[in-house]
């Protein structure tokens, strides 16, 4: 579901740039950064959702994902939710996009143990079966890649041999 949100939001923003001339979305890179921000708003909301929310993952689901070796799991869930929201906001501003993308990539790496634990321990989300590990790992790699691309880290730079003198 989160990959679908990322793709649709990215396509929407790029359409605004290409078809409607919205200068902010003139590139795929910026559109993907905004698409990732939309996805992060969705995922971060689960970190704060009450247990009565059954249409989406909620705070209790997120706490169940935290591996046993992590102290204060409920606090960690709130903290990562806040970091996701801060990263989403940072992606929207050109001045903070690079730092936000790098920090989000690091956050996605740090959250990988929770995704691995959830898959291996068969932790359900919103009453649905756990997402298999073969799906979770590539998703995390995708999010890391998009965050770094949005930050401009993976942008191609001209080599010294082809750069103008």
C-alpha atoms as a PDB file:
ATOM      1  CA  UNK A   1       0.000   0.000   0.000  1.00  0.00           C
ATOM      2  CA  UNK A   2       2.770   2.474   0.880  1.00  0.00           C
ATOM      3  CA  UNK A   3       4.552   1.869  -2.422  1.00  0.00           C
ATOM      4  CA  UNK A   4       1.285   2.570  -4.243  1.00  0.00           C
ATOM      5  CA  UNK A   5       0.873   5.845  -2.341  1.00  0.00           C
ATOM      6  CA  UNK A   6       4.466   6.807  -3.174  1.00  0.00           C
ATOM      7  CA  UNK A   7       4.018   6.054  -6.885  1.00  0.00           C
ATOM      8  CA  UNK A   8       0.613   7.717  -7.274  1.00  0.00           C
ATOM      9  CA  UNK A   9       1.659  10.838  -5.357  1.00  0.00           C
ATOM     10  CA  UNK A  10       4.874  11.116  -7.368  1.00  0.00           C
ATOM     11  CA  UNK A  11       2.990  10.741 -10.659  1.00  0.00           C
ATOM     12  CA  UNK A  12       0.421  13.323  -9.526  1.00  0.00           C
ATOM     13  CA  UNK A  13       3.085  15.899  -8.674  1.00  0.00           C
ATOM     14  CA  UNK A  14       4.972  15.250 -11.900  1.00  0.00           C
ATOM     15  CA  UNK A  15       1.712  15.622 -13.855  1.00  0.00           C
ATOM     16  CA  UNK A  16       1.198  18.995 -12.200  1.00  0.00           C
ATOM     17  CA  UNK A  17       4.632  20.009 -13.441  1.00  0.00           C
ATOM     18  CA  UNK A  18       4.506  18.547 -16.941  1.00  0.00           C
ATOM     19  CA  UNK A  19       0.875  19.098 -17.933  1.00  0.00           C
ATOM     20  CA  UNK A  20      -0.061  22.145 -15.903  1.00  0.00           C
ATOM     21  CA  UNK A  21       3.251  23.991 -15.746  1.00  0.00           C
ATOM     22  CA  UNK A  22       3.649  24.002 -11.972  1.00  0.00           C
ATOM     23  CA  UNK A  23       7.308  24.982 -11.821  1.00  0.00           C
ATOM     24  CA  UNK A  24       7.842  23.366  -8.414  1.00  0.00           C
ATOM     25  CA  UNK A  25       7.273  19.927  -9.976  1.00  0.00           C
ATOM     26  CA  UNK A  26       9.368  20.432 -13.103  1.00  0.00           C
ATOM     27  CA  UNK A  27      11.564  17.417 -12.334  1.00  0.00           C
ATOM     28  CA  UNK A  28      10.995  13.806 -11.392  1.00  0.00           C
ATOM     29  CA  UNK A  29      13.425  14.176  -8.483  1.00  0.00           C
ATOM     30  CA  UNK A  30      11.452  16.938  -6.770  1.00  0.00           C
ATOM     31  CA  UNK A  31       8.148  15.215  -7.558  1.00  0.00           C
ATOM     32  CA  UNK A  32       9.450  11.992  -5.993  1.00  0.00           C
ATOM     33  CA  UNK A  33      10.537  13.915  -2.900  1.00  0.00           C
ATOM     34  CA  UNK A  34       7.024  15.293  -2.531  1.00  0.00           C
ATOM     35  CA  UNK A  35       5.570  11.840  -3.211  1.00  0.00           C
ATOM     36  CA  UNK A  36       7.752  10.408  -0.439  1.00  0.00           C
ATOM     37  CA  UNK A  37       6.538  13.201   1.861  1.00  0.00           C
ATOM     38  CA  UNK A  38       2.918  12.193   1.192  1.00  0.00           C
ATOM     39  CA  UNK A  39       3.767   8.548   1.894  1.00  0.00           C
ATOM     40  CA  UNK A  40       5.495   9.549   5.135  1.00  0.00           C
ATOM     41  CA  UNK A  41       2.409  11.461   6.287  1.00  0.00           C
ATOM     42  CA  UNK A  42       0.445   8.259   5.849  1.00  0.00           C
ATOM     43  CA  UNK A  43       2.972   6.010   7.575  1.00  0.00           C
ATOM     44  CA  UNK A  44       3.631   8.479  10.401  1.00  0.00           C
ATOM     45  CA  UNK A  45      -0.087   8.694  11.160  1.00  0.00           C
ATOM     46  CA  UNK A  46      -0.022   5.010  12.168  1.00  0.00           C
ATOM     47  CA  UNK A  47       2.503   5.850  14.888  1.00  0.00           C
ATOM     48  CA  UNK A  48      -0.117   7.995  16.637  1.00  0.00           C
ATOM     49  CA  UNK A  49      -3.368   6.181  15.748  1.00  0.00           C
ATOM     50  CA  UNK A  50      -5.332   4.850  18.733  1.00  0.00           C
ATOM     51  CA  UNK A  51      -5.949   1.110  19.138  1.00  0.00           C
ATOM     52  CA  UNK A  52      -9.557   1.651  18.069  1.00  0.00           C
ATOM     53  CA  UNK A  53      -8.353   2.490  14.547  1.00  0.00           C
ATOM     54  CA  UNK A  54      -8.809  -0.764  12.657  1.00  0.00           C
ATOM     55  CA  UNK A  55      -8.793   0.510   9.067  1.00  0.00           C
ATOM     56  CA  UNK A  56      -5.042   1.131   9.214  1.00  0.00           C
ATOM     57  CA  UNK A  57      -2.099   0.106  11.409  1.00  0.00           C
ATOM     58  CA  UNK A  58      -2.209   1.805  14.785  1.00  0.00           C
ATOM     59  CA  UNK A  59       0.227   2.631  17.584  1.00  0.00           C
ATOM     60  CA  UNK A  60      -0.164  -0.821  19.177  1.00  0.00           C
ATOM     61  CA  UNK A  61       0.645  -2.481  15.841  1.00  0.00           C
ATOM     62  CA  UNK A  62       3.764  -0.343  15.528  1.00  0.00           C
ATOM     63  CA  UNK A  63       4.863  -1.183  19.088  1.00  0.00           C
ATOM     64  CA  UNK A  64       4.459  -4.900  18.315  1.00  0.00           C
ATOM     65  CA  UNK A  65       6.907  -4.465  15.422  1.00  0.00           C
ATOM     66  CA  UNK A  66       9.706  -3.196  17.668  1.00  0.00           C
ATOM     67  CA  UNK A  67      12.300  -5.916  18.332  1.00  0.00           C
ATOM     68  CA  UNK A  68      12.656  -6.974  21.988  1.00  0.00           C
ATOM     69  CA  UNK A  69      16.199  -5.598  22.243  1.00  0.00           C
ATOM     70  CA  UNK A  70      14.988  -2.003  21.673  1.00  0.00           C
ATOM     71  CA  UNK A  71      14.207  -0.232  24.977  1.00  0.00           C
ATOM     72  CA  UNK A  72      11.042   1.805  25.468  1.00  0.00           C
ATOM     73  CA  UNK A  73       9.207   0.548  22.357  1.00  0.00           C
ATOM     74  CA  UNK A  74       6.174   2.848  22.728  1.00  0.00           C
ATOM     75  CA  UNK A  75       8.433   5.885  23.017  1.00  0.00           C
ATOM     76  CA  UNK A  76      10.480   4.712  20.021  1.00  0.00           C
ATOM     77  CA  UNK A  77       7.299   4.445  17.943  1.00  0.00           C
ATOM     78  CA  UNK A  78       6.315   8.011  18.843  1.00  0.00           C
ATOM     79  CA  UNK A  79       9.861   9.225  18.163  1.00  0.00           C
ATOM     80  CA  UNK A  80      10.063   7.596  14.736  1.00  0.00           C
ATOM     81  CA  UNK A  81       6.636   9.020  13.887  1.00  0.00           C
ATOM     82  CA  UNK A  82       7.846  12.513  14.747  1.00  0.00           C
ATOM     83  CA  UNK A  83      11.026  11.947  12.712  1.00  0.00           C
ATOM     84  CA  UNK A  84       8.974  10.785   9.726  1.00  0.00           C
ATOM     85  CA  UNK A  85       6.843  13.938   9.947  1.00  0.00           C
ATOM     86  CA  UNK A  86       9.926  16.149  10.270  1.00  0.00           C
ATOM     87  CA  UNK A  87      11.530  14.390   7.301  1.00  0.00           C
ATOM     88  CA  UNK A  88       8.380  14.842   5.215  1.00  0.00           C
ATOM     89  CA  UNK A  89       8.353  18.570   5.983  1.00  0.00           C
ATOM     90  CA  UNK A  90      12.064  18.810   5.221  1.00  0.00           C
ATOM     91  CA  UNK A  91      11.603  17.222   1.788  1.00  0.00           C
ATOM     92  CA  UNK A  92       9.212  20.002   0.789  1.00  0.00           C
ATOM     93  CA  UNK A  93      11.685  22.834   1.237  1.00  0.00           C
ATOM     94  CA  UNK A  94      14.615  23.173  -1.163  1.00  0.00           C
ATOM     95  CA  UNK A  95      16.824  24.523   1.644  1.00  0.00           C
ATOM     96  CA  UNK A  96      16.294  21.429   3.817  1.00  0.00           C
ATOM     97  CA  UNK A  97      15.667  18.761   1.163  1.00  0.00           C
ATOM     98  CA  UNK A  98      19.232  17.439   1.111  1.00  0.00           C
ATOM     99  CA  UNK A  99      19.517  17.082   4.893  1.00  0.00           C
ATOM    100  CA  UNK A 100      16.012  15.622   5.137  1.00  0.00           C
ATOM    101  CA  UNK A 101      16.698  13.027   2.449  1.00  0.00           C
ATOM    102  CA  UNK A 102      19.942  11.923   4.099  1.00  0.00           C
ATOM    103  CA  UNK A 103      18.327  11.748   7.546  1.00  0.00           C
ATOM    104  CA  UNK A 104      15.342   9.828   6.187  1.00  0.00           C
ATOM    105  CA  UNK A 105      17.622   7.320   4.463  1.00  0.00           C
ATOM    106  CA  UNK A 106      19.383   6.792   7.791  1.00  0.00           C
ATOM    107  CA  UNK A 107      16.023   6.480   9.573  1.00  0.00           C
ATOM    108  CA  UNK A 108      14.879   3.848   7.062  1.00  0.00           C
ATOM    109  CA  UNK A 109      18.076   1.893   7.722  1.00  0.00           C
ATOM    110  CA  UNK A 110      17.555   2.157  11.486  1.00  0.00           C
ATOM    111  CA  UNK A 111      13.932   0.998  11.160  1.00  0.00           C
ATOM    112  CA  UNK A 112      14.931  -2.059   9.144  1.00  0.00           C
ATOM    113  CA  UNK A 113      15.316  -4.290  12.251  1.00  0.00           C
ATOM    114  CA  UNK A 114      11.681  -3.546  13.148  1.00  0.00           C
ATOM    115  CA  UNK A 115      10.559  -4.576   9.680  1.00  0.00           C
ATOM    116  CA  UNK A 116      12.646  -7.745   9.827  1.00  0.00           C
ATOM    117  CA  UNK A 117      11.315  -8.574  13.309  1.00  0.00           C
ATOM    118  CA  UNK A 118       7.705  -7.953  12.201  1.00  0.00           C
ATOM    119  CA  UNK A 119       8.093 -10.273   9.226  1.00  0.00           C
ATOM    120  CA  UNK A 120       9.886 -13.046  11.108  1.00  0.00           C
ATOM    121  CA  UNK A 121       7.607 -12.830  14.174  1.00  0.00           C
ATOM    122  CA  UNK A 122       4.546 -12.694  11.908  1.00  0.00           C
ATOM    123  CA  UNK A 123       3.299  -9.411  13.435  1.00  0.00           C
ATOM    124  CA  UNK A 124      -0.043  -8.465  11.846  1.00  0.00           C
ATOM    125  CA  UNK A 125      -0.854  -4.872  10.901  1.00  0.00           C
ATOM    126  CA  UNK A 126      -4.457  -3.657  11.148  1.00  0.00           C
ATOM    127  CA  UNK A 127      -5.537  -7.280  11.509  1.00  0.00           C
ATOM    128  CA  UNK A 128      -3.931  -8.231   8.186  1.00  0.00           C
ATOM    129  CA  UNK A 129      -1.229 -10.904   7.950  1.00  0.00           C
ATOM    130  CA  UNK A 130       2.352  -9.749   8.281  1.00  0.00           C
ATOM    131  CA  UNK A 131       4.052  -8.497   5.154  1.00  0.00           C
ATOM    132  CA  UNK A 132       6.636 -11.096   4.109  1.00  0.00           C
ATOM    133  CA  UNK A 133      10.318 -10.305   4.460  1.00  0.00           C
ATOM    134  CA  UNK A 134      10.926 -10.700   0.712  1.00  0.00           C
ATOM    135  CA  UNK A 135       8.619  -7.703   0.231  1.00  0.00           C
ATOM    136  CA  UNK A 136       9.727  -5.581   3.193  1.00  0.00           C
ATOM    137  CA  UNK A 137      13.445  -5.488   2.361  1.00  0.00           C
ATOM    138  CA  UNK A 138      13.039  -4.256  -1.240  1.00  0.00           C
ATOM    139  CA  UNK A 139      10.505  -1.666  -0.048  1.00  0.00           C
ATOM    140  CA  UNK A 140      13.000  -0.316   2.486  1.00  0.00           C
ATOM    141  CA  UNK A 141      15.696  -0.218  -0.203  1.00  0.00           C
ATOM    142  CA  UNK A 142      13.289   1.668  -2.488  1.00  0.00           C
ATOM    143  CA  UNK A 143      12.513   4.225   0.232  1.00  0.00           C
ATOM    144  CA  UNK A 144      16.207   4.697   0.979  1.00  0.00           C
ATOM    145  CA  UNK A 145      16.902   5.191  -2.725  1.00  0.00           C
ATOM    146  CA  UNK A 146      14.062   7.687  -3.211  1.00  0.00           C
ATOM    147  CA  UNK A 147      15.127   9.644  -0.108  1.00  0.00           C
ATOM    148  CA  UNK A 148      18.717   9.875  -1.372  1.00  0.00           C
ATOM    149  CA  UNK A 149      17.583  10.720  -4.907  1.00  0.00           C
ATOM    150  CA  UNK A 150      15.245  13.442  -3.597  1.00  0.00           C
ATOM    151  CA  UNK A 151      18.187  14.780  -1.580  1.00  0.00           C
ATOM    152  CA  UNK A 152      20.258  15.000  -4.749  1.00  0.00           C
ATOM    153  CA  UNK A 153      22.773  12.465  -3.455  1.00  0.00           C
ATOM    154  CA  UNK A 154      22.384  10.099  -6.385  1.00  0.00           C
ATOM    155  CA  UNK A 155      22.208  12.821  -9.036  1.00  0.00           C
ATOM    156  CA  UNK A 156      24.704  12.375 -11.848  1.00  0.00           C
ATOM    157  CA  UNK A 157      27.514  14.859 -11.838  1.00  0.00           C
ATOM    158  CA  UNK A 158      29.603  15.531 -14.936  1.00  0.00           C
ATOM    159  CA  UNK A 159      32.939  13.757 -14.861  1.00  0.00           C
ATOM    160  CA  UNK A 160      36.056  15.954 -14.996  1.00  0.00           C
ATOM    161  CA  UNK A 161      36.800  14.612 -18.489  1.00  0.00           C
ATOM    162  CA  UNK A 162      33.433  15.780 -19.869  1.00  0.00           C
ATOM    163  CA  UNK A 163      33.042  18.972 -17.849  1.00  0.00           C
ATOM    164  CA  UNK A 164      33.610  22.238 -19.647  1.00  0.00           C
ATOM    165  CA  UNK A 165      36.971  23.917 -18.936  1.00  0.00           C
END
